[in-house]
Amino acid sequence: MRFPIRGPVALCSTLAVLLLGLSMPHVALAADGYVNGYVNLRAGPSARYPRVFTLPPGTPIAVFGCTAGWGWCDVRGDGMRGWVAANFVRYPYRNRRVVLSSYGARIGVPIISFVLDAYWGDHYRDRSWYAERTRWAHPDWSPPARRYPGRAHRPGPPASRWGNGHDRGHGHDRPHGPPGGGGGGDGGGGG
């Protein structure tokens, strides 16, 4: 059975369908941001989580939200979901690309939390490290230093003059920011 629609209703319906159809390709190509270097996509908001993939410079990404302080952001890039340090994300703001870690509040990027079991269950069931979720639940834990019988204790390297344990000469490996502000980034080849 056919019910022909005529008049202004038909015209409005046709225009709405046309406008929706024209806007669809733009939605599919839209990117919230771009990575500004080779960036490791991590399975959680820390460089201590497993590496999922390395995104090349200029990769468009969709940003779903960031941790408090905009230290790490949950993103999708190259078809993969994971976390990147926010200072490796450029985001469009007022006709320029800005570093997300500095502009997150002004842009209005949502603050989100990370729940390992839920996140990994949604995105990483096929990964080899998925079965070790309990090990990764506390990525900042590290085993006590090994003691080797019969060998003298050797002290570690001197503390950094910056006081945060990171050498500023390798700034591309870690985001800089206040202590406890979600720091510990992950750039290029490390980890």
C-alpha atoms as a PDB file:
ATOM      1  CA  MET A   1       0.000   0.000   0.000  1.00  0.00           C
ATOM      2  CA  ARG A   2       1.357   3.450  -0.942  1.00  0.00           C
ATOM      3  CA  PHE A   3       0.787   6.741   0.817  1.00  0.00           C
ATOM      4  CA  PRO A   4       2.135   9.551  -1.354  1.00  0.00           C
ATOM      5  CA  ILE A   5       3.356  12.605   0.543  1.00  0.00           C
ATOM      6  CA  ARG A   6       2.863  15.964  -1.136  1.00  0.00           C
ATOM      7  CA  GLY A   7       3.409  19.589  -0.402  1.00  0.00           C
ATOM      8  CA  PRO A   8       5.673  21.174   2.213  1.00  0.00           C
ATOM      9  CA  VAL A   9       6.050  17.942   4.189  1.00  0.00           C
ATOM     10  CA  ALA A  10       7.483  16.141   1.171  1.00  0.00           C
ATOM     11  CA  LEU A  11       9.874  19.000   0.438  1.00  0.00           C
ATOM     12  CA  CYS A  12      11.123  19.150   4.043  1.00  0.00           C
ATOM     13  CA  SER A  13      11.573  15.373   4.186  1.00  0.00           C
ATOM     14  CA  THR A  14      13.505  15.340   0.920  1.00  0.00           C
ATOM     15  CA  LEU A  15      15.766  18.182   2.029  1.00  0.00           C
ATOM     16  CA  ALA A  16      16.425  16.508   5.372  1.00  0.00           C
ATOM     17  CA  VAL A  17      17.450  13.250   3.678  1.00  0.00           C
ATOM     18  CA  LEU A  18      19.709  15.110   1.225  1.00  0.00           C
ATOM     19  CA  LEU A  19      21.390  17.117   3.962  1.00  0.00           C
ATOM     20  CA  LEU A  20      21.916  14.013   6.072  1.00  0.00           C
ATOM     21  CA  GLY A  21      23.398  12.189   3.084  1.00  0.00           C
ATOM     22  CA  LEU A  22      25.761  15.067   2.301  1.00  0.00           C
ATOM     23  CA  SER A  23      26.978  15.286   5.881  1.00  0.00           C
ATOM     24  CA  MET A  24      27.739  11.559   6.293  1.00  0.00           C
ATOM     25  CA  PRO A  25      31.104  11.482   4.475  1.00  0.00           C
ATOM     26  CA  HIS A  26      32.316  14.359   6.643  1.00  0.00           C
ATOM     27  CA  VAL A  27      31.368  12.517   9.821  1.00  0.00           C
ATOM     28  CA  ALA A  28      33.270   9.428   8.697  1.00  0.00           C
ATOM     29  CA  LEU A  29      36.404  11.454   7.920  1.00  0.00           C
ATOM     30  CA  ALA A  30      36.275  13.692  10.969  1.00  0.00           C
ATOM     31  CA  ALA A  31      39.179  13.405  13.380  1.00  0.00           C
ATOM     32  CA  ASP A  32      39.290  14.922  16.834  1.00  0.00           C
ATOM     33  CA  GLY A  33      43.038  15.160  16.818  1.00  0.00           C
ATOM     34  CA  TYR A  34      46.338  13.981  15.426  1.00  0.00           C
ATOM     35  CA  VAL A  35      49.437  12.451  16.973  1.00  0.00           C
ATOM     36  CA  ASN A  36      52.516  14.649  16.646  1.00  0.00           C
ATOM     37  CA  GLY A  37      55.177  11.934  16.499  1.00  0.00           C
ATOM     38  CA  TYR A  38      55.620   8.187  16.675  1.00  0.00           C
ATOM     39  CA  VAL A  39      53.467   7.380  19.691  1.00  0.00           C
ATOM     40  CA  ASN A  40      52.907   4.096  21.473  1.00  0.00           C
ATOM     41  CA  LEU A  41      49.231   3.310  21.915  1.00  0.00           C
ATOM     42  CA  ARG A  42      49.029   1.668  25.353  1.00  0.00           C
ATOM     43  CA  ALA A  43      46.510  -0.678  26.963  1.00  0.00           C
ATOM     44  CA  GLY A  44      46.075   1.739  29.877  1.00  0.00           C
ATOM     45  CA  PRO A  45      46.977   5.259  31.010  1.00  0.00           C
ATOM     46  CA  SER A  46      50.663   4.653  31.787  1.00  0.00           C
ATOM     47  CA  ALA A  47      53.832   3.734  29.904  1.00  0.00           C
ATOM     48  CA  ARG A  48      53.907   0.586  32.048  1.00  0.00           C
ATOM     49  CA  TYR A  49      50.869  -0.936  30.342  1.00  0.00           C
ATOM     50  CA  PRO A  50      51.447  -3.174  27.316  1.00  0.00           C
ATOM     51  CA  ARG A  51      52.013  -1.528  23.942  1.00  0.00           C
ATOM     52  CA  VAL A  52      49.066  -2.121  21.604  1.00  0.00           C
ATOM     53  CA  PHE A  53      50.449  -0.446  18.486  1.00  0.00           C
ATOM     54  CA  THR A  54      52.700   2.434  17.424  1.00  0.00           C
ATOM     55  CA  LEU A  55      50.907   5.275  15.669  1.00  0.00           C
ATOM     56  CA  PRO A  56      52.967   7.159  13.066  1.00  0.00           C
ATOM     57  CA  PRO A  57      53.158  10.979  13.048  1.00  0.00           C
ATOM     58  CA  GLY A  58      50.050  12.708  11.711  1.00  0.00           C
ATOM     59  CA  THR A  59      47.712   9.776  12.379  1.00  0.00           C
ATOM     60  CA  PRO A  60      44.158  11.093  12.867  1.00  0.00           C
ATOM     61  CA  ILE A  61      42.627   9.954  16.145  1.00  0.00           C
ATOM     62  CA  ALA A  62      39.261  10.147  17.853  1.00  0.00           C
ATOM     63  CA  VAL A  63      39.609  11.271  21.463  1.00  0.00           C
ATOM     64  CA  PHE A  64      37.047   9.777  23.878  1.00  0.00           C
ATOM     65  CA  GLY A  65      38.326  11.495  27.014  1.00  0.00           C
ATOM     66  CA  CYS A  66      41.375  11.971  29.219  1.00  0.00           C
ATOM     67  CA  THR A  67      42.468  11.248  32.766  1.00  0.00           C
ATOM     68  CA  ALA A  68      42.246  14.041  35.352  1.00  0.00           C
ATOM     69  CA  GLY A  69      44.891  16.629  34.534  1.00  0.00           C
ATOM     70  CA  TRP A  70      44.846  15.589  30.853  1.00  0.00           C
ATOM     71  CA  GLY A  71      47.929  13.387  31.206  1.00  0.00           C
ATOM     72  CA  TRP A  72      46.615  10.408  29.206  1.00  0.00           C
ATOM     73  CA  CYS A  73      43.790  10.136  26.660  1.00  0.00           C
ATOM     74  CA  ASP A  74      41.655   7.226  25.514  1.00  0.00           C
ATOM     75  CA  VAL A  75      41.765   7.277  21.693  1.00  0.00           C
ATOM     76  CA  ARG A  76      41.080   5.320  18.530  1.00  0.00           C
ATOM     77  CA  GLY A  77      43.651   5.512  15.747  1.00  0.00           C
ATOM     78  CA  ASP A  78      44.365   3.256  12.776  1.00  0.00           C
ATOM     79  CA  GLY A  79      41.365   1.166  13.875  1.00  0.00           C
ATOM     80  CA  MET A  80      42.845   0.410  17.294  1.00  0.00           C
ATOM     81  CA  ARG A  81      41.745   1.586  20.718  1.00  0.00           C
ATOM     82  CA  GLY A  82      44.123   2.552  23.511  1.00  0.00           C
ATOM     83  CA  TRP A  83      45.750   5.292  25.555  1.00  0.00           C
ATOM     84  CA  VAL A  84      48.331   7.903  24.528  1.00  0.00           C
ATOM     85  CA  ALA A  85      50.089  10.601  26.532  1.00  0.00           C
ATOM     86  CA  ALA A  86      48.145  13.820  25.925  1.00  0.00           C
ATOM     87  CA  ASN A  87      51.211  15.885  25.107  1.00  0.00           C
ATOM     88  CA  PHE A  88      51.587  13.817  21.931  1.00  0.00           C
ATOM     89  CA  VAL A  89      48.080  14.787  20.757  1.00  0.00           C
ATOM     90  CA  ARG A  90      47.352  17.877  18.674  1.00  0.00           C
ATOM     91  CA  TYR A  91      43.742  18.996  18.751  1.00  0.00           C
ATOM     92  CA  PRO A  92      41.964  21.654  16.655  1.00  0.00           C
ATOM     93  CA  TYR A  93      41.128  24.749  18.691  1.00  0.00           C
ATOM     94  CA  ARG A  94      40.392  28.237  17.342  1.00  0.00           C
ATOM     95  CA  ASN A  95      41.773  27.518  13.870  1.00  0.00           C
ATOM     96  CA  ARG A  96      45.039  25.984  15.050  1.00  0.00           C
ATOM     97  CA  ARG A  97      46.282  22.692  16.421  1.00  0.00           C
ATOM     98  CA  VAL A  98      47.145  22.839  20.101  1.00  0.00           C
ATOM     99  CA  VAL A  99      48.693  20.289  22.461  1.00  0.00           C
ATOM    100  CA  LEU A 100      45.838  18.579  24.261  1.00  0.00           C
ATOM    101  CA  SER A 101      47.622  18.330  27.608  1.00  0.00           C
ATOM    102  CA  SER A 102      47.694  22.153  27.778  1.00  0.00           C
ATOM    103  CA  TYR A 103      44.249  22.890  26.326  1.00  0.00           C
ATOM    104  CA  GLY A 104      42.080  20.000  27.544  1.00  0.00           C
ATOM    105  CA  ALA A 105      40.091  22.154  29.983  1.00  0.00           C
ATOM    106  CA  ARG A 106      39.492  24.969  27.465  1.00  0.00           C
ATOM    107  CA  ILE A 107      38.461  22.568  24.714  1.00  0.00           C
ATOM    108  CA  GLY A 108      36.130  20.680  27.036  1.00  0.00           C
ATOM    109  CA  VAL A 109      37.583  17.202  26.627  1.00  0.00           C
ATOM    110  CA  PRO A 110      35.783  14.996  29.160  1.00  0.00           C
ATOM    111  CA  ILE A 111      37.584  13.549  32.171  1.00  0.00           C
ATOM    112  CA  ILE A 112      37.190   9.768  32.260  1.00  0.00           C
ATOM    113  CA  SER A 113      38.366   6.933  34.466  1.00  0.00           C
ATOM    114  CA  PHE A 114      40.052   3.670  33.576  1.00  0.00           C
ATOM    115  CA  VAL A 115      38.706   0.323  34.771  1.00  0.00           C
ATOM    116  CA  LEU A 116      41.068  -2.376  33.563  1.00  0.00           C
ATOM    117  CA  ASP A 117      38.713  -5.373  33.468  1.00  0.00           C
ATOM    118  CA  ALA A 118      35.963  -3.484  31.644  1.00  0.00           C
ATOM    119  CA  TYR A 119      38.275  -1.726  29.179  1.00  0.00           C
ATOM    120  CA  TRP A 120      40.368  -4.769  28.375  1.00  0.00           C
ATOM    121  CA  GLY A 121      37.243  -6.933  28.139  1.00  0.00           C
ATOM    122  CA  ASP A 122      35.852  -4.577  25.501  1.00  0.00           C
ATOM    123  CA  HIS A 123      39.045  -4.135  23.481  1.00  0.00           C
ATOM    124  CA  TYR A 124      41.772  -6.722  24.153  1.00  0.00           C
ATOM    125  CA  ARG A 125      40.330 -10.202  24.638  1.00  0.00           C
ATOM    126  CA  ASP A 126      42.429 -11.461  21.709  1.00  0.00           C
ATOM    127  CA  ARG A 127      45.749 -10.160  23.090  1.00  0.00           C
ATOM    128  CA  SER A 128      48.305 -12.455  24.711  1.00  0.00           C
ATOM    129  CA  TRP A 129      48.514 -10.299  27.844  1.00  0.00           C
ATOM    130  CA  TYR A 130      44.741 -10.276  28.420  1.00  0.00           C
ATOM    131  CA  ALA A 131      45.011 -13.417  30.557  1.00  0.00           C
ATOM    132  CA  GLU A 132      47.439 -11.572  32.875  1.00  0.00           C
ATOM    133  CA  ARG A 133      44.943  -8.894  33.931  1.00  0.00           C
ATOM    134  CA  THR A 134      45.705  -9.341  37.626  1.00  0.00           C
ATOM    135  CA  ARG A 135      49.389  -8.670  36.953  1.00  0.00           C
ATOM    136  CA  TRP A 136      48.538  -5.484  35.043  1.00  0.00           C
ATOM    137  CA  ALA A 137      45.961  -4.250  37.561  1.00  0.00           C
ATOM    138  CA  HIS A 138      48.802  -2.426  39.367  1.00  0.00           C
ATOM    139  CA  PRO A 139      51.281  -1.458  36.610  1.00  0.00           C
ATOM    140  CA  ASP A 140      53.342   0.776  38.882  1.00  0.00           C
ATOM    141  CA  TRP A 141      54.255  -2.123  41.155  1.00  0.00           C
ATOM    142  CA  SER A 142      57.726  -3.501  40.608  1.00  0.00           C
ATOM    143  CA  PRO A 143      59.440  -6.436  42.311  1.00  0.00           C
ATOM    144  CA  PRO A 144      62.131  -5.761  44.917  1.00  0.00           C
ATOM    145  CA  ALA A 145      65.663  -5.390  43.584  1.00  0.00           C
ATOM    146  CA  ARG A 146      67.526  -8.648  43.195  1.00  0.00           C
ATOM    147  CA  ARG A 147      70.425  -9.330  45.514  1.00  0.00           C
ATOM    148  CA  TYR A 148      73.282 -11.311  44.096  1.00  0.00           C
ATOM    149  CA  PRO A 149      75.262 -13.219  46.765  1.00  0.00           C
ATOM    150  CA  GLY A 150      78.990 -12.554  46.698  1.00  0.00           C
ATOM    151  CA  ARG A 151      78.721  -9.318  44.734  1.00  0.00           C
ATOM    152  CA  ALA A 152      79.105  -5.867  46.131  1.00  0.00           C
ATOM    153  CA  HIS A 153      76.099  -3.603  45.979  1.00  0.00           C
ATOM    154  CA  ARG A 154      76.448  -1.077  43.176  1.00  0.00           C
ATOM    155  CA  PRO A 155      74.579   2.171  43.597  1.00  0.00           C
ATOM    156  CA  GLY A 156      72.288   3.267  40.772  1.00  0.00           C
ATOM    157  CA  PRO A 157      72.792   6.346  38.642  1.00  0.00           C
ATOM    158  CA  PRO A 158      72.747   9.733  40.354  1.00  0.00           C
ATOM    159  CA  ALA A 159      69.367  11.405  40.751  1.00  0.00           C
ATOM    160  CA  SER A 160      68.371  13.756  37.962  1.00  0.00           C
ATOM    161  CA  ARG A 161      68.985  17.417  38.620  1.00  0.00           C
ATOM    162  CA  TRP A 162      65.308  17.915  37.833  1.00  0.00           C
ATOM    163  CA  GLY A 163      64.313  15.832  40.835  1.00  0.00           C
ATOM    164  CA  ASN A 164      61.766  13.670  39.042  1.00  0.00           C
ATOM    165  CA  GLY A 165      63.940  10.766  37.959  1.00  0.00           C
ATOM    166  CA  HIS A 166      63.748  11.683  34.277  1.00  0.00           C
ATOM    167  CA  ASP A 167      66.608  13.112  32.275  1.00  0.00           C
ATOM    168  CA  ARG A 168      65.352  16.208  30.456  1.00  0.00           C
ATOM    169  CA  GLY A 169      67.636  15.318  27.556  1.00  0.00           C
ATOM    170  CA  HIS A 170      65.125  12.623  26.572  1.00  0.00           C
ATOM    171  CA  GLY A 171      61.960  14.699  26.814  1.00  0.00           C
ATOM    172  CA  HIS A 172      60.360  13.012  23.838  1.00  0.00           C
ATOM    173  CA  ASP A 173      59.903   9.867  25.923  1.00  0.00           C
ATOM    174  CA  ARG A 174      57.931  11.333  28.820  1.00  0.00           C
ATOM    175  CA  PRO A 175      55.391  14.120  29.126  1.00  0.00           C
ATOM    176  CA  HIS A 176      56.429  16.935  31.385  1.00  0.00           C
ATOM    177  CA  GLY A 177      54.094  18.179  34.030  1.00  0.00           C
ATOM    178  CA  PRO A 178      53.566  18.479  37.724  1.00  0.00           C
ATOM    179  CA  PRO A 179      54.315  15.449  39.882  1.00  0.00           C
ATOM    180  CA  GLY A 180      51.202  13.329  40.330  1.00  0.00           C
ATOM    181  CA  GLY A 181      49.418  15.099  37.457  1.00  0.00           C
ATOM    182  CA  GLY A 182      48.950  11.972  35.390  1.00  0.00           C
ATOM    183  CA  GLY A 183      52.518  12.140  34.135  1.00  0.00           C
ATOM    184  CA  GLY A 184      54.613   9.337  32.780  1.00  0.00           C
ATOM    185  CA  GLY A 185      54.018   9.617  29.074  1.00  0.00           C
ATOM    186  CA  ASP A 186      55.003   7.448  26.254  1.00  0.00           C
ATOM    187  CA  GLY A 187      56.442   8.689  23.074  1.00  0.00           C
ATOM    188  CA  GLY A 188      58.551   7.003  20.454  1.00  0.00           C
ATOM    189  CA  GLY A 189      60.548   3.851  20.681  1.00  0.00           C
ATOM    190  CA  GLY A 190      60.520   3.152  24.436  1.00  0.00           C
ATOM    191  CA  GLY A 191      58.780   0.223  26.113  1.00  0.00           C
END
